[in-house]
Amino acid sequence: GGPTDGSLLLFAPDSNISRATRTDTLRTIFGEFDIDDVGKAKSGIGLSLSGQAYRRFPLGGSDRNILLKLNGSADLYRKMEFSDLALDVSGGPELRIGRSRVNIEAGATQRWFGLKPFVRSARLGATWRRPIGDRSQIQLSGSAGLVDHQVNDLQDGRFHSGQIAFEHALSPTMGVGLSLDDWGRVGEGVH
């Protein structure tokens, strides 16, 4: 187990690239808010890109490495104010302990929306992975970090996440998996 090198290139029409609506107002429990023309639905063709690069550096033996990863994604549109880009860098030790593999990492993410800084985050995380028999494995992972919302300071805060996952190979080319995720966020000024 471990990360695999992957990249993806997609062309697809998008009927709502602004993630907005065609209505003029937004109803909430606090009242009705006007939506200006910039925030309304737009239609267009976009380019979606994603990719990952990683490198393992051995630490004196086959059971200890330093794993560095770089992930990027971009949803690009002709009207660049709707483009969404993200870059993530992370690294840390990868250890094999008996039949288990443990990864500990520190990471940082920067996201841009409309080519302007949007959200920055930093995190610490750990993953434990262990085979069960010849064709199954279980994985436990968790992380915690800080979010700096660069447009709205009221959305700054801390987050945590956890996951339990089980995978089983039905054949050399097919498998099934089941996962249970928990994700939470606490705003700094909202306790």
Protein backbone atom coordinates (compact mmCIF):
# COMPACT_ATOMS: atom_id res chain seq x y z
CA GLY A 1 0.00 0.00 0.00
CA GLY A 2 0.94 3.63 -0.37
CA PRO A 3 0.31 6.55 -2.69
CA THR A 4 0.36 5.99 -6.39
CA ASP A 5 1.37 8.38 -9.11
CA GLY A 6 -1.77 9.71 -10.74
CA SER A 7 -2.94 12.45 -13.00
CA LEU A 8 -6.23 13.33 -14.57
CA LEU A 9 -7.34 15.58 -17.41
CA LEU A 10 -11.04 16.25 -18.06
CA PHE A 11 -13.04 18.46 -20.42
CA ALA A 12 -16.68 18.87 -19.43
CA PRO A 13 -19.54 21.35 -19.75
CA ASP A 14 -20.58 22.90 -16.46
CA SER A 15 -23.99 24.48 -16.01
CA ASN A 16 -23.19 26.18 -12.71
CA ILE A 17 -19.50 27.02 -12.50
CA SER A 18 -20.08 29.73 -9.93
CA ARG A 19 -21.72 27.18 -7.57
CA ALA A 20 -24.57 29.67 -7.37
CA THR A 21 -28.16 29.90 -8.48
CA ARG A 22 -30.40 31.49 -11.07
CA THR A 23 -32.60 33.14 -8.44
CA ASP A 24 -32.18 36.75 -7.38
CA THR A 25 -32.27 36.06 -3.62
CA LEU A 26 -31.06 33.51 -1.11
CA ARG A 27 -33.39 32.62 1.77
CA THR A 28 -31.83 31.80 5.14
CA ILE A 29 -33.02 31.64 8.74
CA PHE A 30 -31.56 35.16 9.12
CA GLY A 31 -33.58 36.61 6.26
CA GLU A 32 -33.40 37.02 2.51
CA PHE A 33 -30.19 38.14 0.83
CA ASP A 34 -29.77 39.58 -2.66
CA ILE A 35 -27.48 37.75 -5.10
CA ASP A 36 -25.69 40.01 -7.58
CA ASP A 37 -25.05 39.06 -11.21
CA VAL A 38 -21.50 37.85 -10.49
CA GLY A 39 -22.87 35.27 -8.05
CA LYS A 40 -25.48 33.80 -10.38
CA ALA A 41 -25.22 30.64 -12.46
CA LYS A 42 -23.04 30.76 -15.54
CA SER A 43 -22.56 28.10 -18.16
CA GLY A 44 -19.26 27.25 -19.75
CA ILE A 45 -16.68 24.67 -20.72
CA GLY A 46 -13.97 24.07 -18.16
CA LEU A 47 -10.69 22.22 -17.93
CA SER A 48 -10.13 20.10 -14.83
CA LEU A 49 -6.59 18.97 -13.98
CA SER A 50 -5.21 17.02 -11.04
CA GLY A 51 -1.97 15.27 -10.34
CA GLN A 52 0.32 13.88 -7.68
CA ALA A 53 4.06 13.42 -7.47
CA TYR A 54 5.86 11.68 -4.63
CA ARG A 55 9.31 10.48 -3.67
CA ARG A 56 10.51 8.04 -1.03
CA PHE A 57 13.94 8.52 0.53
CA PRO A 58 15.28 5.42 2.35
CA LEU A 59 16.43 5.82 5.95
CA GLY A 60 18.83 2.90 6.25
CA GLY A 61 16.73 -0.16 5.48
CA SER A 62 13.66 -1.24 3.57
CA ASP A 63 11.33 -0.64 6.53
CA ARG A 64 11.97 3.10 7.05
CA ASN A 65 11.49 5.94 4.54
CA ILE A 66 10.77 9.62 4.35
CA LEU A 67 7.81 10.15 2.02
CA LEU A 68 7.35 13.56 0.32
CA LYS A 69 4.20 14.31 -1.70
CA LEU A 70 3.06 17.17 -3.93
CA ASN A 71 -0.59 17.30 -5.03
CA GLY A 72 -2.25 19.85 -7.28
CA SER A 73 -5.64 20.43 -8.83
CA ALA A 74 -7.17 23.11 -11.02
CA ASP A 75 -10.64 23.78 -12.39
CA LEU A 76 -10.02 26.39 -15.08
CA TYR A 77 -12.60 28.42 -17.01
CA ARG A 78 -12.46 31.08 -19.69
CA LYS A 79 -13.68 33.57 -17.08
CA MET A 80 -10.81 33.21 -14.65
CA GLU A 81 -12.81 34.64 -11.71
CA PHE A 82 -14.44 31.17 -11.46
CA SER A 83 -11.19 29.17 -11.58
CA ASP A 84 -10.37 27.07 -8.50
CA LEU A 85 -6.75 25.98 -7.89
CA ALA A 86 -5.13 24.07 -5.02
CA LEU A 87 -1.59 23.02 -4.18
CA ASP A 88 -0.71 20.67 -1.29
CA VAL A 89 2.72 19.65 -0.03
CA SER A 90 3.33 17.08 2.71
CA GLY A 91 6.00 14.85 4.12
CA GLY A 92 7.02 12.62 6.96
CA PRO A 93 8.26 9.19 8.02
CA GLU A 94 6.86 5.97 6.60
CA LEU A 95 7.61 2.95 8.80
CA ARG A 96 7.02 -0.77 8.41
CA ILE A 97 6.44 -2.43 11.79
CA GLY A 98 5.87 -6.15 11.34
CA ARG A 99 3.03 -6.47 8.82
CA SER A 100 1.79 -2.92 9.50
CA ARG A 101 2.76 0.28 7.73
CA VAL A 102 2.59 3.61 9.58
CA ASN A 103 2.77 7.04 7.89
CA ILE A 104 3.09 10.27 9.87
CA GLU A 105 2.95 13.52 7.94
CA ALA A 106 2.88 17.28 8.21
CA GLY A 107 1.28 19.15 5.34
CA ALA A 108 0.18 22.53 4.06
CA THR A 109 -2.40 23.50 1.43
CA GLN A 110 -2.97 26.76 -0.43
CA ARG A 111 -6.16 27.26 -2.45
CA TRP A 112 -6.91 30.09 -4.86
CA PHE A 113 -10.33 31.05 -6.23
CA GLY A 114 -10.42 33.47 -9.14
CA LEU A 115 -6.58 33.49 -9.01
CA LYS A 116 -6.75 35.20 -5.59
CA PRO A 117 -5.63 33.57 -2.31
CA PHE A 118 -8.68 31.89 -0.78
CA VAL A 119 -7.84 29.35 1.96
CA ARG A 120 -4.56 28.26 3.57
CA SER A 121 -4.29 25.30 5.95
CA ALA A 122 -1.68 23.30 7.86
CA ARG A 123 -2.14 19.82 9.31
CA LEU A 124 -0.59 16.89 11.14
CA GLY A 125 -1.80 13.40 10.34
CA ALA A 126 -1.13 9.69 10.79
CA THR A 127 -2.20 6.55 8.93
CA TRP A 128 -1.94 2.91 10.06
CA ARG A 129 -2.44 0.21 7.42
CA ARG A 130 -2.38 -3.57 7.98
CA PRO A 131 -3.11 -6.52 5.69
CA ILE A 132 -5.75 -9.01 6.81
CA GLY A 133 -5.11 -12.31 5.07
CA ASP A 134 -3.89 -12.36 1.48
CA ARG A 135 -6.53 -10.11 -0.14
CA SER A 136 -7.77 -7.60 2.45
CA GLN A 137 -6.44 -4.66 4.42
CA ILE A 138 -7.67 -2.29 7.11
CA GLN A 139 -6.64 1.34 7.42
CA LEU A 140 -7.07 3.86 10.24
CA SER A 141 -6.19 7.49 9.65
CA GLY A 142 -6.63 10.81 11.38
CA SER A 143 -5.52 14.40 11.07
CA ALA A 144 -5.91 17.77 12.76
CA GLY A 145 -4.98 21.23 11.64
CA LEU A 146 -5.60 24.94 11.31
CA VAL A 147 -7.45 26.85 8.59
CA ASP A 148 -6.74 30.46 7.59
CA HIS A 149 -9.62 31.69 5.42
CA GLN A 150 -7.98 34.56 3.57
CA VAL A 151 -11.23 36.21 2.48
CA ASN A 152 -13.33 35.86 5.65
CA ASP A 153 -11.56 35.73 9.05
CA LEU A 154 -14.80 34.53 10.67
CA GLN A 155 -14.22 31.17 8.93
CA ASP A 156 -10.73 30.68 10.41
CA GLY A 157 -10.44 27.79 12.83
CA ARG A 158 -9.33 24.26 13.56
CA PHE A 159 -10.37 21.00 11.93
CA HIS A 160 -10.04 17.29 12.60
CA SER A 161 -10.82 14.21 10.57
CA GLY A 162 -10.72 10.46 10.97
CA GLN A 163 -11.33 7.46 8.76
CA ILE A 164 -11.65 3.70 9.10
CA ALA A 165 -11.40 1.86 5.79
CA PHE A 166 -11.55 -1.79 4.74
CA GLU A 167 -10.55 -3.04 1.29
CA HIS A 168 -10.88 -6.53 -0.20
CA ALA A 169 -9.57 -7.78 -3.55
CA LEU A 170 -12.14 -9.92 -5.35
CA SER A 171 -9.69 -10.67 -8.17
CA PRO A 172 -6.38 -9.25 -9.43
CA THR A 173 -8.33 -6.54 -11.30
CA MET A 174 -11.37 -5.90 -9.08
CA GLY A 175 -11.97 -5.06 -5.45
CA VAL A 176 -14.44 -3.53 -3.00
CA GLY A 177 -13.99 -1.11 -0.15
CA LEU A 178 -15.94 0.35 2.73
CA SER A 179 -15.02 3.45 4.70
CA LEU A 180 -16.42 5.46 7.59
CA ASP A 181 -15.33 9.10 7.76
CA ASP A 182 -15.65 11.77 10.43
CA TRP A 183 -14.80 15.39 9.70
CA GLY A 184 -15.30 18.36 11.98
CA ARG A 185 -14.41 22.01 12.15
CA VAL A 186 -14.38 24.46 15.05
CA GLY A 187 -14.30 28.18 14.33
CA GLU A 188 -11.95 30.22 16.53
CA GLY A 189 -14.55 32.78 17.55
CA VAL A 190 -17.56 30.47 17.71
CA HIS A 191 -16.91 28.19 20.74
